[in-house]
Amino acid sequence: MPEAASSSSPVQAAAAAPCAAEPHTRIASHGLSARALERTLAYIHEHLCESFTLADLARAACISRFHFARMFRVSVGSSPMEYVLKTRMEAAKRMLVRGDQKIAATAAALGFFDQSHFTRTFRRFTGVSPRAFSRLHPHSGSEDPACRFGRASFHR
């Protein structure tokens, strides 16, 4: 395993490292430790287009699921679900600006069950529909590495 860790990026190595007790760095009233937060955010960004659960995020942070949800909110200012949705909406914006696929395909790639749900969520975050957003921004045609494959979803 040490060889695999040396070939990956520092963020990937941090996310893949085994949980270690951090009693001196984790203070409940101040959110997640810097290391736990880094591991969690790395996990979210590396698995953005995959299905994962709150328990998966808590395991990445090396704490219990319920404690994790509270501490994540203190650290980031939003719930884990809200953060994942915001991150997926940023990926959606990049994908729509690229303009190489239909809105329904973007919705499916980001784990939404249908285009209607994606459109409502996108409008809530941006104030405009995905179609209007796409029309307002010129298509760049560049590849977005955030979501290349499959469906993604977040399960509690």
N, C-alpha and C. Protein backbone atom coordinates (compact mmCIF):
# COMPACT_ATOMS: atom_id res chain seq x y z
N MET A 1 0.79 -1.20 0.00
CA MET A 1 0.00 0.00 0.00
C MET A 1 0.83 1.26 0.00
N PRO A 2 1.97 1.34 0.63
CA PRO A 2 2.74 2.55 0.61
C PRO A 2 3.10 2.98 -0.80
N GLU A 3 3.32 2.01 -1.72
CA GLU A 3 3.65 2.37 -3.09
C GLU A 3 2.48 3.06 -3.75
N ALA A 4 1.25 2.61 -3.50
CA ALA A 4 0.08 3.24 -4.10
C ALA A 4 -0.09 4.65 -3.59
N ALA A 5 0.15 4.85 -2.31
CA ALA A 5 -0.01 6.17 -1.73
C ALA A 5 1.00 7.14 -2.32
N SER A 6 2.22 6.67 -2.63
CA SER A 6 3.24 7.57 -3.15
C SER A 6 2.96 7.97 -4.59
N SER A 7 2.20 7.17 -5.34
CA SER A 7 1.90 7.50 -6.72
C SER A 7 0.67 8.36 -6.88
N SER A 8 -0.12 8.56 -5.82
CA SER A 8 -1.31 9.37 -5.92
C SER A 8 -1.02 10.79 -5.46
N SER A 9 -1.96 11.69 -5.75
CA SER A 9 -1.79 13.07 -5.33
C SER A 9 -1.92 13.17 -3.82
N PRO A 10 -1.45 14.27 -3.23
CA PRO A 10 -1.57 14.42 -1.77
C PRO A 10 -3.01 14.36 -1.29
N VAL A 11 -3.94 14.91 -2.06
CA VAL A 11 -5.35 14.88 -1.66
C VAL A 11 -5.88 13.46 -1.70
N GLN A 12 -5.55 12.71 -2.75
CA GLN A 12 -5.98 11.32 -2.85
C GLN A 12 -5.36 10.49 -1.74
N ALA A 13 -4.11 10.75 -1.44
CA ALA A 13 -3.45 10.02 -0.38
C ALA A 13 -4.12 10.30 0.96
N ALA A 14 -4.49 11.55 1.19
CA ALA A 14 -5.17 11.91 2.44
C ALA A 14 -6.53 11.23 2.53
N ALA A 15 -7.23 11.16 1.41
CA ALA A 15 -8.55 10.54 1.41
C ALA A 15 -8.45 9.03 1.57
N ALA A 16 -7.37 8.43 1.10
CA ALA A 16 -7.22 6.99 1.16
C ALA A 16 -6.54 6.51 2.43
N ALA A 17 -5.93 7.42 3.17
CA ALA A 17 -5.19 7.02 4.38
C ALA A 17 -6.15 6.45 5.42
N PRO A 18 -5.69 5.48 6.21
CA PRO A 18 -6.55 4.91 7.23
C PRO A 18 -6.87 5.95 8.31
N CYS A 19 -8.00 5.76 8.96
CA CYS A 19 -8.41 6.67 10.02
C CYS A 19 -7.41 6.63 11.16
N ALA A 20 -7.08 7.77 11.68
CA ALA A 20 -6.19 7.86 12.83
C ALA A 20 -6.89 8.68 13.91
N ALA A 21 -6.66 8.32 15.13
CA ALA A 21 -7.26 9.07 16.23
C ALA A 21 -6.67 10.47 16.24
N GLU A 22 -7.54 11.47 16.33
CA GLU A 22 -7.12 12.86 16.34
C GLU A 22 -7.72 13.57 17.55
N PRO A 23 -7.52 13.05 18.76
CA PRO A 23 -8.19 13.62 19.92
C PRO A 23 -7.75 15.05 20.22
N HIS A 24 -6.55 15.44 19.83
CA HIS A 24 -6.07 16.77 20.17
C HIS A 24 -6.46 17.80 19.12
N THR A 25 -6.85 17.37 17.93
CA THR A 25 -7.17 18.33 16.88
C THR A 25 -8.66 18.48 16.65
N ARG A 26 -9.48 17.57 17.10
CA ARG A 26 -10.91 17.65 16.88
C ARG A 26 -11.56 18.24 18.12
N ILE A 27 -12.15 19.41 17.98
CA ILE A 27 -12.85 20.06 19.08
C ILE A 27 -14.30 20.19 18.65
N ALA A 28 -15.19 19.51 19.34
CA ALA A 28 -16.59 19.39 18.94
C ALA A 28 -17.24 20.73 18.67
N SER A 29 -16.97 21.74 19.47
CA SER A 29 -17.66 23.01 19.30
C SER A 29 -17.13 23.82 18.12
N HIS A 30 -16.07 23.36 17.47
CA HIS A 30 -15.50 24.12 16.37
C HIS A 30 -15.51 23.36 15.05
N GLY A 31 -16.28 22.32 14.92
CA GLY A 31 -16.40 21.61 13.66
C GLY A 31 -15.38 20.51 13.50
N LEU A 32 -15.26 20.05 12.27
CA LEU A 32 -14.33 18.97 11.94
C LEU A 32 -12.89 19.46 12.03
N SER A 33 -11.98 18.56 12.33
CA SER A 33 -10.57 18.90 12.29
C SER A 33 -10.21 19.22 10.85
N ALA A 34 -9.13 19.93 10.65
CA ALA A 34 -8.69 20.28 9.30
C ALA A 34 -8.47 19.02 8.46
N ARG A 35 -7.89 18.00 9.08
CA ARG A 35 -7.62 16.76 8.35
C ARG A 35 -8.92 16.05 7.97
N ALA A 36 -9.87 15.98 8.89
CA ALA A 36 -11.15 15.33 8.59
C ALA A 36 -11.90 16.08 7.50
N LEU A 37 -11.87 17.40 7.55
CA LEU A 37 -12.53 18.20 6.53
C LEU A 37 -11.87 18.00 5.17
N GLU A 38 -10.56 18.00 5.14
CA GLU A 38 -9.83 17.78 3.89
C GLU A 38 -10.16 16.42 3.30
N ARG A 39 -10.18 15.39 4.13
CA ARG A 39 -10.50 14.04 3.67
C ARG A 39 -11.92 13.98 3.11
N THR A 40 -12.86 14.63 3.80
CA THR A 40 -14.26 14.62 3.36
C THR A 40 -14.43 15.34 2.04
N LEU A 41 -13.86 16.53 1.92
CA LEU A 41 -13.99 17.30 0.67
C LEU A 41 -13.31 16.58 -0.48
N ALA A 42 -12.18 15.95 -0.22
CA ALA A 42 -11.51 15.17 -1.26
C ALA A 42 -12.40 14.02 -1.71
N TYR A 43 -13.03 13.35 -0.76
CA TYR A 43 -13.92 12.23 -1.09
C TYR A 43 -15.08 12.72 -1.97
N ILE A 44 -15.69 13.84 -1.57
CA ILE A 44 -16.82 14.38 -2.33
C ILE A 44 -16.39 14.69 -3.76
N HIS A 45 -15.28 15.38 -3.92
CA HIS A 45 -14.84 15.79 -5.25
C HIS A 45 -14.39 14.61 -6.10
N GLU A 46 -13.81 13.59 -5.49
CA GLU A 46 -13.37 12.42 -6.24
C GLU A 46 -14.53 11.51 -6.62
N HIS A 47 -15.64 11.56 -5.88
CA HIS A 47 -16.78 10.69 -6.13
C HIS A 47 -18.03 11.47 -6.52
N LEU A 48 -17.86 12.68 -6.99
CA LEU A 48 -18.99 13.57 -7.27
C LEU A 48 -20.02 12.94 -8.20
N CYS A 49 -19.58 12.18 -9.16
CA CYS A 49 -20.49 11.61 -10.15
C CYS A 49 -20.83 10.15 -9.86
N GLU A 50 -20.64 9.76 -8.61
CA GLU A 50 -20.96 8.40 -8.18
C GLU A 50 -21.99 8.48 -7.06
N SER A 51 -22.56 7.37 -6.77
CA SER A 51 -23.50 7.28 -5.66
C SER A 51 -22.72 7.06 -4.37
N PHE A 52 -22.99 7.89 -3.36
CA PHE A 52 -22.38 7.68 -2.05
C PHE A 52 -23.35 8.14 -0.98
N THR A 53 -23.10 7.70 0.23
CA THR A 53 -24.01 7.97 1.33
C THR A 53 -23.37 8.88 2.36
N LEU A 54 -24.19 9.35 3.28
CA LEU A 54 -23.68 10.13 4.40
C LEU A 54 -22.70 9.28 5.21
N ALA A 55 -22.99 8.00 5.33
CA ALA A 55 -22.08 7.09 6.05
C ALA A 55 -20.72 7.02 5.36
N ASP A 56 -20.69 7.05 4.02
CA ASP A 56 -19.42 7.04 3.30
C ASP A 56 -18.61 8.29 3.63
N LEU A 57 -19.28 9.43 3.68
CA LEU A 57 -18.58 10.68 4.02
C LEU A 57 -18.06 10.65 5.45
N ALA A 58 -18.88 10.12 6.36
CA ALA A 58 -18.46 10.02 7.76
C ALA A 58 -17.25 9.10 7.89
N ARG A 59 -17.24 8.00 7.13
CA ARG A 59 -16.08 7.10 7.15
C ARG A 59 -14.83 7.83 6.64
N ALA A 60 -14.98 8.66 5.62
CA ALA A 60 -13.83 9.42 5.10
C ALA A 60 -13.29 10.37 6.16
N ALA A 61 -14.19 10.89 7.00
CA ALA A 61 -13.78 11.80 8.07
C ALA A 61 -13.37 11.05 9.33
N CYS A 62 -13.65 9.76 9.37
CA CYS A 62 -13.30 8.89 10.51
C CYS A 62 -14.08 9.23 11.78
N ILE A 63 -15.37 9.56 11.61
CA ILE A 63 -16.23 9.81 12.77
C ILE A 63 -17.61 9.22 12.49
N SER A 64 -18.46 9.18 13.53
CA SER A 64 -19.79 8.60 13.36
C SER A 64 -20.64 9.46 12.42
N ARG A 65 -21.62 8.83 11.81
CA ARG A 65 -22.46 9.50 10.82
C ARG A 65 -23.19 10.71 11.41
N PHE A 66 -23.77 10.56 12.57
CA PHE A 66 -24.57 11.65 13.13
C PHE A 66 -23.68 12.78 13.65
N HIS A 67 -22.57 12.42 14.25
CA HIS A 67 -21.63 13.43 14.69
C HIS A 67 -21.06 14.16 13.47
N PHE A 68 -20.78 13.42 12.41
CA PHE A 68 -20.24 14.00 11.19
C PHE A 68 -21.18 15.06 10.62
N ALA A 69 -22.46 14.75 10.51
CA ALA A 69 -23.41 15.69 9.92
C ALA A 69 -23.42 17.02 10.68
N ARG A 70 -23.41 16.95 12.00
CA ARG A 70 -23.39 18.17 12.81
C ARG A 70 -22.09 18.94 12.62
N MET A 71 -20.99 18.23 12.67
CA MET A 71 -19.69 18.88 12.60
C MET A 71 -19.40 19.44 11.20
N PHE A 72 -19.89 18.76 10.18
CA PHE A 72 -19.72 19.26 8.81
C PHE A 72 -20.44 20.60 8.66
N ARG A 73 -21.65 20.68 9.20
CA ARG A 73 -22.42 21.93 9.12
C ARG A 73 -21.68 23.06 9.83
N VAL A 74 -21.09 22.79 10.97
CA VAL A 74 -20.33 23.80 11.70
C VAL A 74 -19.12 24.24 10.87
N SER A 75 -18.45 23.30 10.24
CA SER A 75 -17.22 23.59 9.49
C SER A 75 -17.47 24.32 8.18
N VAL A 76 -18.52 23.92 7.45
CA VAL A 76 -18.73 24.41 6.10
C VAL A 76 -19.86 25.43 6.02
N GLY A 77 -20.79 25.38 6.95
CA GLY A 77 -21.90 26.32 6.92
C GLY A 77 -23.13 25.79 6.22
N SER A 78 -23.08 24.53 5.79
CA SER A 78 -24.24 23.89 5.19
C SER A 78 -24.17 22.40 5.49
N SER A 79 -25.29 21.73 5.29
CA SER A 79 -25.32 20.29 5.52
C SER A 79 -24.49 19.59 4.44
N PRO A 80 -24.10 18.35 4.69
CA PRO A 80 -23.36 17.61 3.64
C PRO A 80 -24.16 17.53 2.34
N MET A 81 -25.47 17.30 2.44
CA MET A 81 -26.30 17.20 1.24
C MET A 81 -26.32 18.51 0.47
N GLU A 82 -26.45 19.61 1.17
CA GLU A 82 -26.48 20.92 0.52
C GLU A 82 -25.13 21.20 -0.15
N TYR A 83 -24.05 20.85 0.50
CA TYR A 83 -22.72 21.04 -0.08
C TYR A 83 -22.56 20.21 -1.35
N VAL A 84 -22.99 18.95 -1.30
CA VAL A 84 -22.88 18.08 -2.47
C VAL A 84 -23.73 18.65 -3.61
N LEU A 85 -24.93 19.12 -3.30
CA LEU A 85 -25.77 19.72 -4.35
C LEU A 85 -25.12 20.96 -4.95
N LYS A 86 -24.56 21.81 -4.11
CA LYS A 86 -23.87 23.01 -4.61
C LYS A 86 -22.72 22.61 -5.53
N THR A 87 -21.98 21.62 -5.12
CA THR A 87 -20.84 21.17 -5.91
C THR A 87 -21.31 20.58 -7.24
N ARG A 88 -22.38 19.82 -7.20
CA ARG A 88 -22.93 19.26 -8.44
C ARG A 88 -23.50 20.35 -9.34
N MET A 89 -24.06 21.39 -8.76
CA MET A 89 -24.58 22.49 -9.57
C MET A 89 -23.44 23.24 -10.25
N GLU A 90 -22.30 23.37 -9.59
CA GLU A 90 -21.13 23.97 -10.23
C GLU A 90 -20.67 23.11 -11.40
N ALA A 91 -20.67 21.80 -11.21
CA ALA A 91 -20.31 20.89 -12.30
C ALA A 91 -21.33 21.00 -13.43
N ALA A 92 -22.60 21.13 -13.08
CA ALA A 92 -23.65 21.27 -14.11
C ALA A 92 -23.43 22.54 -14.93
N LYS A 93 -23.08 23.62 -14.26
CA LYS A 93 -22.82 24.88 -14.98
C LYS A 93 -21.69 24.69 -15.98
N ARG A 94 -20.61 24.04 -15.56
CA ARG A 94 -19.49 23.80 -16.47
C ARG A 94 -19.91 22.91 -17.65
N MET A 95 -20.71 21.90 -17.35
CA MET A 95 -21.16 20.99 -18.41
C MET A 95 -22.08 21.72 -19.39
N LEU A 96 -22.95 22.59 -18.88
CA LEU A 96 -23.86 23.33 -19.76
C LEU A 96 -23.11 24.34 -20.62
N VAL A 97 -22.09 24.96 -20.07
CA VAL A 97 -21.29 25.90 -20.84
C VAL A 97 -20.56 25.18 -21.95
N ARG A 98 -20.12 23.95 -21.68
CA ARG A 98 -19.47 23.13 -22.71
C ARG A 98 -20.40 22.93 -23.89
N GLY A 99 -21.68 22.69 -23.61
CA GLY A 99 -22.68 22.60 -24.65
C GLY A 99 -22.64 21.39 -25.55
N ASP A 100 -21.99 20.32 -25.15
CA ASP A 100 -21.88 19.16 -26.03
C ASP A 100 -22.88 18.05 -25.72
N GLN A 101 -23.80 18.29 -24.79
CA GLN A 101 -24.82 17.28 -24.51
C GLN A 101 -26.12 17.97 -24.10
N LYS A 102 -27.19 17.22 -24.18
CA LYS A 102 -28.50 17.75 -23.83
C LYS A 102 -28.63 17.91 -22.32
N ILE A 103 -29.59 18.71 -21.91
CA ILE A 103 -29.82 18.95 -20.49
C ILE A 103 -30.18 17.66 -19.78
N ALA A 104 -30.96 16.82 -20.43
CA ALA A 104 -31.34 15.54 -19.81
C ALA A 104 -30.11 14.67 -19.56
N ALA A 105 -29.14 14.71 -20.47
CA ALA A 105 -27.92 13.92 -20.28
C ALA A 105 -27.09 14.49 -19.14
N THR A 106 -27.07 15.80 -19.01
CA THR A 106 -26.36 16.43 -17.89
C THR A 106 -27.02 16.03 -16.58
N ALA A 107 -28.34 16.06 -16.55
CA ALA A 107 -29.08 15.67 -15.34
C ALA A 107 -28.77 14.23 -14.95
N ALA A 108 -28.79 13.34 -15.93
CA ALA A 108 -28.51 11.93 -15.65
C ALA A 108 -27.08 11.73 -15.17
N ALA A 109 -26.14 12.42 -15.78
CA ALA A 109 -24.74 12.28 -15.39
C ALA A 109 -24.49 12.76 -13.97
N LEU A 110 -25.31 13.69 -13.50
CA LEU A 110 -25.14 14.23 -12.15
C LEU A 110 -26.03 13.54 -11.12
N GLY A 111 -26.74 12.49 -11.54
CA GLY A 111 -27.48 11.67 -10.59
C GLY A 111 -28.90 12.08 -10.32
N PHE A 112 -29.44 12.97 -11.11
CA PHE A 112 -30.84 13.35 -10.92
C PHE A 112 -31.72 12.33 -11.62
N PHE A 113 -32.84 12.01 -11.00
CA PHE A 113 -33.69 10.95 -11.53
C PHE A 113 -34.43 11.36 -12.79
N ASP A 114 -34.66 12.66 -12.95
CA ASP A 114 -35.27 13.14 -14.19
C ASP A 114 -34.86 14.59 -14.42
N GLN A 115 -35.10 15.04 -15.64
CA GLN A 115 -34.72 16.40 -16.02
C GLN A 115 -35.50 17.43 -15.23
N SER A 116 -36.73 17.14 -14.89
CA SER A 116 -37.56 18.08 -14.13
C SER A 116 -36.96 18.37 -12.76
N HIS A 117 -36.53 17.32 -12.06
CA HIS A 117 -35.90 17.51 -10.75
C HIS A 117 -34.60 18.31 -10.89
N PHE A 118 -33.81 17.99 -11.89
CA PHE A 118 -32.58 18.73 -12.15
C PHE A 118 -32.89 20.21 -12.41
N THR A 119 -33.88 20.47 -13.25
CA THR A 119 -34.23 21.84 -13.60
C THR A 119 -34.67 22.63 -12.37
N ARG A 120 -35.51 22.03 -11.52
CA ARG A 120 -35.95 22.72 -10.30
C ARG A 120 -34.77 23.02 -9.38
N THR A 121 -33.90 22.04 -9.22
CA THR A 121 -32.74 22.23 -8.35
C THR A 121 -31.80 23.28 -8.93
N PHE A 122 -31.55 23.22 -10.22
CA PHE A 122 -30.67 24.18 -10.88
C PHE A 122 -31.23 25.60 -10.74
N ARG A 123 -32.51 25.75 -10.95
CA ARG A 123 -33.15 27.07 -10.83
C ARG A 123 -33.05 27.59 -9.40
N ARG A 124 -33.21 26.70 -8.42
CA ARG A 124 -33.12 27.11 -7.02
C ARG A 124 -31.72 27.65 -6.70
N PHE A 125 -30.70 27.03 -7.28
CA PHE A 125 -29.33 27.44 -6.99
C PHE A 125 -28.87 28.62 -7.83
N THR A 126 -29.33 28.75 -9.07
CA THR A 126 -28.82 29.78 -9.96
C THR A 126 -29.80 30.90 -10.26
N GLY A 127 -31.09 30.64 -10.07
CA GLY A 127 -32.10 31.64 -10.40
C GLY A 127 -32.60 31.56 -11.83
N VAL A 128 -32.00 30.70 -12.65
CA VAL A 128 -32.43 30.52 -14.04
C VAL A 128 -32.49 29.04 -14.36
N SER A 129 -33.22 28.70 -15.40
CA SER A 129 -33.30 27.30 -15.82
C SER A 129 -31.99 26.90 -16.49
N PRO A 130 -31.73 25.60 -16.59
CA PRO A 130 -30.52 25.15 -17.29
C PRO A 130 -30.48 25.64 -18.74
N ARG A 131 -31.63 25.63 -19.41
CA ARG A 131 -31.68 26.08 -20.80
C ARG A 131 -31.31 27.57 -20.91
N ALA A 132 -31.89 28.39 -20.01
CA ALA A 132 -31.57 29.81 -20.02
C ALA A 132 -30.09 30.04 -19.70
N PHE A 133 -29.57 29.29 -18.75
CA PHE A 133 -28.15 29.41 -18.39
C PHE A 133 -27.28 29.07 -19.60
N SER A 134 -27.62 27.98 -20.27
CA SER A 134 -26.85 27.55 -21.43
C SER A 134 -26.88 28.60 -22.53
N ARG A 135 -28.02 29.25 -22.71
CA ARG A 135 -28.14 30.29 -23.75
C ARG A 135 -27.39 31.57 -23.37
N LEU A 136 -27.29 31.84 -22.07
CA LEU A 136 -26.60 33.04 -21.60
C LEU A 136 -25.08 32.93 -21.66
N HIS A 137 -24.57 31.72 -21.73
CA HIS A 137 -23.13 31.50 -21.71
C HIS A 137 -22.67 30.84 -23.00
N PRO A 138 -21.67 31.40 -23.64
CA PRO A 138 -21.17 30.80 -24.89
C PRO A 138 -20.58 29.42 -24.62
N HIS A 139 -20.76 28.53 -25.57
CA HIS A 139 -20.25 27.16 -25.42
C HIS A 139 -18.76 27.14 -25.67
N SER A 140 -18.03 26.54 -24.73
CA SER A 140 -16.58 26.49 -24.84
C SER A 140 -16.09 25.22 -25.52
N GLY A 141 -16.86 24.13 -25.39
CA GLY A 141 -16.46 22.87 -25.99
C GLY A 141 -15.35 22.15 -25.27
N SER A 142 -14.82 22.71 -24.19
CA SER A 142 -13.75 22.04 -23.46
C SER A 142 -14.31 20.97 -22.55
N GLU A 143 -13.50 19.97 -22.28
CA GLU A 143 -13.95 18.84 -21.47
C GLU A 143 -13.92 19.19 -19.99
N ASP A 144 -14.97 18.83 -19.28
CA ASP A 144 -15.03 19.02 -17.83
C ASP A 144 -14.70 17.69 -17.17
N PRO A 145 -13.60 17.61 -16.45
CA PRO A 145 -13.23 16.34 -15.83
C PRO A 145 -14.10 15.99 -14.63
N ALA A 146 -14.96 16.90 -14.18
CA ALA A 146 -15.75 16.65 -12.97
C ALA A 146 -16.65 15.43 -13.13
N CYS A 147 -17.35 15.31 -14.23
CA CYS A 147 -18.30 14.22 -14.39
C CYS A 147 -18.23 13.67 -15.80
N ARG A 148 -17.51 12.61 -15.96
CA ARG A 148 -17.39 12.01 -17.29
C ARG A 148 -18.28 10.80 -17.46
N PHE A 149 -18.59 10.13 -16.37
CA PHE A 149 -19.30 8.86 -16.51
C PHE A 149 -20.49 8.80 -15.58
N GLY A 150 -21.43 7.97 -15.97
CA GLY A 150 -22.46 7.43 -15.11
C GLY A 150 -23.32 8.39 -14.33
N ARG A 151 -24.16 7.79 -13.52
CA ARG A 151 -25.10 8.53 -12.69
C ARG A 151 -24.49 8.77 -11.32
N ALA A 152 -24.90 9.85 -10.74
CA ALA A 152 -24.43 10.16 -9.39
C ALA A 152 -25.64 10.45 -8.53
N SER A 153 -25.54 10.14 -7.28
CA SER A 153 -26.61 10.49 -6.36
C SER A 153 -26.06 10.51 -4.95
N PHE A 154 -26.78 11.13 -4.09
CA PHE A 154 -26.38 11.21 -2.69
C PHE A 154 -27.50 10.61 -1.88
N HIS A 155 -27.20 9.60 -1.10
CA HIS A 155 -28.21 8.93 -0.29
C HIS A 155 -27.89 9.14 1.17
N ARG A 156 -28.91 9.38 1.95
CA ARG A 156 -28.72 9.55 3.38
C ARG A 156 -28.59 8.22 4.05
